[in-house]
Amino acid sequence: MISIFLSGTIVKEIDRGFGGYDKFREEFSKAAVTQFGSGWAWLILDAGKLKVTQTGNAIDPLADGKIALLTLDVWEHAYYLDFQNRRPAFVATFLDHLVNWDFVAQNFEMAHEKVH
């Protein structure tokens, strides 16, 4: 499913970095669902390239000099009341209905200017 909210430079970068939105969605979902215990899934800018990563507990990619563009909290407190133990359903809802792609694009533009 292609997000109808994606446009501009961020679409080109997702296409270039992941081979399209569907591949990005698959990789981001996998990072979020497979994060054992508490943690985060991230879309980051690393040396000018988009990447998906995951971190546990209170660790974030900023500590390693990466730039966060999008994050998803996968600690149980973030989704348990609505989704119980169905983390994959929570991740799908986040990607399909909750991501503010204008904010992600703005983060990318600001980060890209710092890198170049």
N, C-alpha and C. Protein backbone atom coordinates (compact mmCIF):
# COMPACT_ATOMS: atom_id res chain seq x y z
N MET A 1 0.84 -1.17 0.00
CA MET A 1 0.00 0.00 0.00
C MET A 1 0.89 1.24 0.00
N ILE A 2 0.70 2.12 -0.94
CA ILE A 2 1.46 3.37 -1.00
C ILE A 2 0.73 4.42 -0.20
N SER A 3 1.46 5.11 0.62
CA SER A 3 0.85 6.16 1.42
C SER A 3 0.46 7.33 0.52
N ILE A 4 -0.79 7.75 0.62
CA ILE A 4 -1.24 8.90 -0.19
C ILE A 4 -0.68 10.20 0.36
N PHE A 5 -0.04 10.14 1.52
CA PHE A 5 0.48 11.34 2.14
C PHE A 5 1.94 11.63 1.78
N LEU A 6 2.56 10.75 1.04
CA LEU A 6 3.96 10.94 0.66
C LEU A 6 4.06 11.74 -0.63
N SER A 7 4.92 12.73 -0.61
CA SER A 7 5.18 13.49 -1.84
C SER A 7 6.54 14.17 -1.70
N GLY A 8 7.03 14.64 -2.82
CA GLY A 8 8.25 15.41 -2.83
C GLY A 8 9.53 14.60 -2.68
N THR A 9 10.53 15.26 -2.14
CA THR A 9 11.86 14.69 -2.02
C THR A 9 11.88 13.42 -1.19
N ILE A 10 11.08 13.36 -0.14
CA ILE A 10 11.10 12.18 0.73
C ILE A 10 10.70 10.93 -0.03
N VAL A 11 9.77 11.06 -0.99
CA VAL A 11 9.37 9.91 -1.81
C VAL A 11 10.56 9.42 -2.63
N LYS A 12 11.27 10.34 -3.24
CA LYS A 12 12.45 9.98 -4.05
C LYS A 12 13.50 9.30 -3.19
N GLU A 13 13.70 9.80 -1.97
CA GLU A 13 14.70 9.22 -1.09
C GLU A 13 14.28 7.83 -0.60
N ILE A 14 13.01 7.65 -0.32
CA ILE A 14 12.51 6.32 0.08
C ILE A 14 12.65 5.35 -1.09
N ASP A 15 12.32 5.81 -2.28
CA ASP A 15 12.50 4.97 -3.47
C ASP A 15 13.96 4.59 -3.65
N ARG A 16 14.83 5.57 -3.51
CA ARG A 16 16.27 5.33 -3.70
C ARG A 16 16.84 4.44 -2.59
N GLY A 17 16.43 4.68 -1.36
CA GLY A 17 17.01 3.96 -0.24
C GLY A 17 16.45 2.57 -0.01
N PHE A 18 15.18 2.37 -0.39
CA PHE A 18 14.53 1.11 -0.08
C PHE A 18 13.95 0.40 -1.30
N GLY A 19 13.91 1.08 -2.44
CA GLY A 19 13.28 0.48 -3.62
C GLY A 19 11.78 0.70 -3.66
N GLY A 20 11.29 1.65 -2.88
CA GLY A 20 9.87 1.99 -2.88
C GLY A 20 9.27 1.97 -1.49
N TYR A 21 8.08 2.55 -1.39
CA TYR A 21 7.40 2.65 -0.10
C TYR A 21 7.10 1.28 0.49
N ASP A 22 6.66 0.35 -0.33
CA ASP A 22 6.30 -0.98 0.19
C ASP A 22 7.49 -1.66 0.86
N LYS A 23 8.66 -1.52 0.26
CA LYS A 23 9.87 -2.12 0.86
C LYS A 23 10.25 -1.40 2.15
N PHE A 24 10.11 -0.06 2.15
CA PHE A 24 10.35 0.68 3.38
C PHE A 24 9.40 0.21 4.47
N ARG A 25 8.11 0.11 4.13
CA ARG A 25 7.09 -0.30 5.09
C ARG A 25 7.41 -1.68 5.67
N GLU A 26 7.84 -2.58 4.80
CA GLU A 26 8.20 -3.94 5.23
C GLU A 26 9.38 -3.91 6.21
N GLU A 27 10.40 -3.14 5.86
CA GLU A 27 11.60 -3.07 6.69
C GLU A 27 11.32 -2.37 8.03
N PHE A 28 10.55 -1.29 7.98
CA PHE A 28 10.22 -0.57 9.21
C PHE A 28 9.36 -1.44 10.11
N SER A 29 8.38 -2.11 9.53
CA SER A 29 7.50 -3.00 10.30
C SER A 29 8.30 -4.12 10.96
N LYS A 30 9.22 -4.70 10.21
CA LYS A 30 10.05 -5.78 10.75
C LYS A 30 10.87 -5.28 11.94
N ALA A 31 11.46 -4.08 11.80
CA ALA A 31 12.25 -3.52 12.90
C ALA A 31 11.38 -3.30 14.13
N ALA A 32 10.17 -2.82 13.94
CA ALA A 32 9.28 -2.55 15.07
C ALA A 32 8.77 -3.83 15.72
N VAL A 33 8.39 -4.79 14.92
CA VAL A 33 7.78 -6.01 15.45
C VAL A 33 8.83 -6.92 16.09
N THR A 34 10.04 -6.93 15.56
CA THR A 34 11.06 -7.84 16.08
C THR A 34 11.91 -7.25 17.20
N GLN A 35 11.67 -5.98 17.55
CA GLN A 35 12.39 -5.40 18.68
C GLN A 35 11.96 -6.13 19.94
N PHE A 36 12.86 -6.88 20.53
CA PHE A 36 12.52 -7.66 21.72
C PHE A 36 12.30 -6.74 22.90
N GLY A 37 11.21 -6.93 23.59
CA GLY A 37 10.93 -6.13 24.77
C GLY A 37 10.63 -4.69 24.41
N SER A 38 11.13 -3.78 25.20
CA SER A 38 10.85 -2.37 25.02
C SER A 38 11.87 -1.73 24.09
N GLY A 39 11.40 -0.75 23.33
CA GLY A 39 12.32 -0.06 22.45
C GLY A 39 11.63 0.76 21.39
N TRP A 40 12.33 0.92 20.27
CA TRP A 40 11.92 1.86 19.24
C TRP A 40 12.28 1.32 17.85
N ALA A 41 11.50 1.74 16.86
CA ALA A 41 11.86 1.57 15.45
C ALA A 41 12.08 2.98 14.90
N TRP A 42 13.07 3.11 14.03
CA TRP A 42 13.47 4.44 13.55
C TRP A 42 13.66 4.46 12.04
N LEU A 43 13.34 5.57 11.43
CA LEU A 43 13.82 5.93 10.10
C LEU A 43 14.85 7.01 10.36
N ILE A 44 16.07 6.75 9.95
CA ILE A 44 17.17 7.68 10.24
C ILE A 44 17.87 8.10 8.96
N LEU A 45 18.61 9.19 9.08
CA LEU A 45 19.52 9.62 8.04
C LEU A 45 20.92 9.33 8.57
N ASP A 46 21.64 8.48 7.85
CA ASP A 46 22.97 8.05 8.26
C ASP A 46 23.92 8.28 7.09
N ALA A 47 24.82 9.23 7.27
CA ALA A 47 25.78 9.57 6.21
C ALA A 47 25.06 9.89 4.90
N GLY A 48 23.94 10.62 5.00
CA GLY A 48 23.22 11.05 3.82
C GLY A 48 22.27 10.03 3.22
N LYS A 49 22.13 8.87 3.85
CA LYS A 49 21.25 7.82 3.33
C LYS A 49 20.18 7.46 4.34
N LEU A 50 18.98 7.18 3.83
CA LEU A 50 17.91 6.72 4.70
C LEU A 50 18.14 5.27 5.09
N LYS A 51 17.90 4.98 6.37
CA LYS A 51 18.02 3.62 6.87
C LYS A 51 16.96 3.40 7.94
N VAL A 52 16.59 2.14 8.13
CA VAL A 52 15.71 1.75 9.22
C VAL A 52 16.56 1.05 10.26
N THR A 53 16.29 1.35 11.51
CA THR A 53 17.01 0.69 12.60
C THR A 53 16.07 0.51 13.78
N GLN A 54 16.54 -0.22 14.77
CA GLN A 54 15.78 -0.41 16.00
C GLN A 54 16.74 -0.24 17.17
N THR A 55 16.20 0.21 18.28
CA THR A 55 17.00 0.33 19.49
C THR A 55 16.18 -0.17 20.67
N GLY A 56 16.88 -0.66 21.66
CA GLY A 56 16.21 -1.15 22.86
C GLY A 56 16.20 -0.11 23.96
N ASN A 57 15.22 -0.25 24.82
CA ASN A 57 15.10 0.56 26.02
C ASN A 57 15.19 2.05 25.72
N ALA A 58 16.09 2.78 26.34
CA ALA A 58 16.15 4.23 26.16
C ALA A 58 17.27 4.67 25.22
N ILE A 59 17.79 3.76 24.44
CA ILE A 59 18.87 4.09 23.51
C ILE A 59 18.26 4.70 22.24
N ASP A 60 18.91 5.72 21.72
CA ASP A 60 18.44 6.28 20.45
C ASP A 60 19.62 6.48 19.51
N PRO A 61 19.36 6.55 18.21
CA PRO A 61 20.45 6.66 17.23
C PRO A 61 21.19 7.99 17.28
N LEU A 62 20.63 8.97 17.95
CA LEU A 62 21.30 10.26 18.07
C LEU A 62 22.63 10.11 18.79
N ALA A 63 22.69 9.18 19.73
CA ALA A 63 23.92 8.95 20.48
C ALA A 63 25.06 8.48 19.57
N ASP A 64 24.70 7.90 18.42
CA ASP A 64 25.70 7.44 17.45
C ASP A 64 25.89 8.41 16.30
N GLY A 65 25.36 9.63 16.43
CA GLY A 65 25.52 10.63 15.40
C GLY A 65 24.57 10.51 14.22
N LYS A 66 23.53 9.69 14.36
CA LYS A 66 22.53 9.54 13.31
C LYS A 66 21.44 10.59 13.52
N ILE A 67 20.69 10.87 12.48
CA ILE A 67 19.62 11.86 12.56
C ILE A 67 18.28 11.15 12.45
N ALA A 68 17.45 11.29 13.47
CA ALA A 68 16.14 10.65 13.50
C ALA A 68 15.13 11.45 12.67
N LEU A 69 14.43 10.75 11.78
CA LEU A 69 13.39 11.38 10.96
C LEU A 69 12.00 10.94 11.39
N LEU A 70 11.89 9.69 11.84
CA LEU A 70 10.62 9.10 12.25
C LEU A 70 10.92 8.05 13.30
N THR A 71 10.10 7.99 14.33
CA THR A 71 10.28 6.95 15.34
C THR A 71 8.94 6.39 15.76
N LEU A 72 8.97 5.14 16.17
CA LEU A 72 7.79 4.47 16.70
C LEU A 72 8.16 3.82 18.02
N ASP A 73 7.44 4.19 19.05
CA ASP A 73 7.62 3.64 20.39
C ASP A 73 6.95 2.27 20.43
N VAL A 74 7.73 1.22 20.67
CA VAL A 74 7.14 -0.13 20.75
C VAL A 74 7.17 -0.68 22.19
N TRP A 75 7.31 0.21 23.15
CA TRP A 75 7.14 -0.20 24.53
C TRP A 75 5.66 -0.53 24.69
N GLU A 76 5.33 -1.50 25.49
CA GLU A 76 3.94 -1.92 25.63
C GLU A 76 3.01 -0.79 26.06
N HIS A 77 3.50 0.16 26.84
CA HIS A 77 2.62 1.25 27.29
C HIS A 77 2.09 2.06 26.11
N ALA A 78 2.78 2.01 24.98
CA ALA A 78 2.38 2.79 23.82
C ALA A 78 1.15 2.21 23.11
N TYR A 79 0.91 0.93 23.28
CA TYR A 79 -0.16 0.31 22.49
C TYR A 79 -1.02 -0.69 23.23
N TYR A 80 -0.67 -1.07 24.45
CA TYR A 80 -1.35 -2.19 25.09
C TYR A 80 -2.85 -1.98 25.30
N LEU A 81 -3.27 -0.79 25.69
CA LEU A 81 -4.70 -0.57 25.95
C LEU A 81 -5.55 -0.77 24.69
N ASP A 82 -5.04 -0.37 23.55
CA ASP A 82 -5.80 -0.50 22.30
C ASP A 82 -5.54 -1.81 21.57
N PHE A 83 -4.32 -2.34 21.69
CA PHE A 83 -3.94 -3.50 20.86
C PHE A 83 -3.53 -4.73 21.66
N GLN A 84 -3.51 -4.65 22.99
CA GLN A 84 -3.04 -5.73 23.85
C GLN A 84 -1.67 -6.22 23.36
N ASN A 85 -1.53 -7.49 23.03
CA ASN A 85 -0.21 -8.00 22.61
C ASN A 85 -0.09 -8.09 21.09
N ARG A 86 -0.91 -7.35 20.37
CA ARG A 86 -0.89 -7.40 18.90
C ARG A 86 -0.02 -6.27 18.33
N ARG A 87 1.26 -6.35 18.59
CA ARG A 87 2.18 -5.31 18.12
C ARG A 87 2.13 -5.14 16.60
N PRO A 88 2.07 -6.21 15.80
CA PRO A 88 1.99 -6.01 14.34
C PRO A 88 0.78 -5.16 13.91
N ALA A 89 -0.35 -5.32 14.57
CA ALA A 89 -1.53 -4.51 14.24
C ALA A 89 -1.30 -3.05 14.61
N PHE A 90 -0.63 -2.82 15.74
CA PHE A 90 -0.28 -1.46 16.15
C PHE A 90 0.64 -0.80 15.12
N VAL A 91 1.65 -1.53 14.69
CA VAL A 91 2.61 -0.99 13.71
C VAL A 91 1.89 -0.67 12.40
N ALA A 92 1.03 -1.55 11.94
CA ALA A 92 0.28 -1.31 10.70
C ALA A 92 -0.60 -0.07 10.82
N THR A 93 -1.27 0.09 11.95
CA THR A 93 -2.11 1.27 12.17
C THR A 93 -1.27 2.53 12.17
N PHE A 94 -0.13 2.47 12.83
CA PHE A 94 0.78 3.62 12.85
C PHE A 94 1.18 4.03 11.43
N LEU A 95 1.63 3.08 10.64
CA LEU A 95 2.10 3.39 9.29
C LEU A 95 0.96 3.80 8.36
N ASP A 96 -0.19 3.19 8.52
CA ASP A 96 -1.31 3.46 7.61
C ASP A 96 -2.11 4.71 7.95
N HIS A 97 -2.11 5.11 9.23
CA HIS A 97 -3.01 6.18 9.64
C HIS A 97 -2.41 7.29 10.49
N LEU A 98 -1.26 7.06 11.09
CA LEU A 98 -0.78 8.02 12.09
C LEU A 98 0.48 8.79 11.72
N VAL A 99 1.27 8.30 10.81
CA VAL A 99 2.53 8.98 10.48
C VAL A 99 2.22 10.35 9.85
N ASN A 100 2.88 11.35 10.35
CA ASN A 100 2.78 12.69 9.79
C ASN A 100 3.93 12.84 8.79
N TRP A 101 3.66 12.50 7.54
CA TRP A 101 4.72 12.50 6.53
C TRP A 101 5.23 13.90 6.22
N ASP A 102 4.42 14.93 6.42
CA ASP A 102 4.91 16.30 6.24
C ASP A 102 6.02 16.59 7.26
N PHE A 103 5.83 16.11 8.49
CA PHE A 103 6.84 16.28 9.54
C PHE A 103 8.11 15.50 9.20
N VAL A 104 7.95 14.27 8.72
CA VAL A 104 9.10 13.45 8.32
C VAL A 104 9.86 14.15 7.20
N ALA A 105 9.13 14.66 6.21
CA ALA A 105 9.76 15.35 5.08
C ALA A 105 10.50 16.60 5.55
N GLN A 106 9.89 17.32 6.48
CA GLN A 106 10.54 18.51 7.04
C GLN A 106 11.81 18.13 7.79
N ASN A 107 11.75 17.08 8.58
CA ASN A 107 12.94 16.60 9.28
C ASN A 107 14.03 16.23 8.29
N PHE A 108 13.65 15.55 7.21
CA PHE A 108 14.62 15.16 6.19
C PHE A 108 15.27 16.39 5.57
N GLU A 109 14.46 17.37 5.18
CA GLU A 109 15.01 18.58 4.53
C GLU A 109 15.99 19.28 5.45
N MET A 110 15.64 19.44 6.73
CA MET A 110 16.54 20.11 7.68
C MET A 110 17.81 19.30 7.89
N ALA A 111 17.68 17.98 8.00
CA ALA A 111 18.85 17.12 8.21
C ALA A 111 19.73 17.12 6.97
N HIS A 112 19.11 17.07 5.81
CA HIS A 112 19.85 17.03 4.55
C HIS A 112 20.68 18.30 4.39
N GLU A 113 20.13 19.43 4.79
CA GLU A 113 20.87 20.70 4.71
C GLU A 113 22.11 20.67 5.63
N LYS A 114 21.97 20.05 6.80
CA LYS A 114 23.11 19.96 7.73
C LYS A 114 24.21 19.07 7.19
N VAL A 115 23.81 17.99 6.50
CA VAL A 115 24.78 17.03 5.97
C VAL A 115 25.53 17.61 4.78
N HIS A 116 24.84 18.40 3.98
CA HIS A 116 25.47 18.93 2.75
C HIS A 116 25.88 20.33 2.92
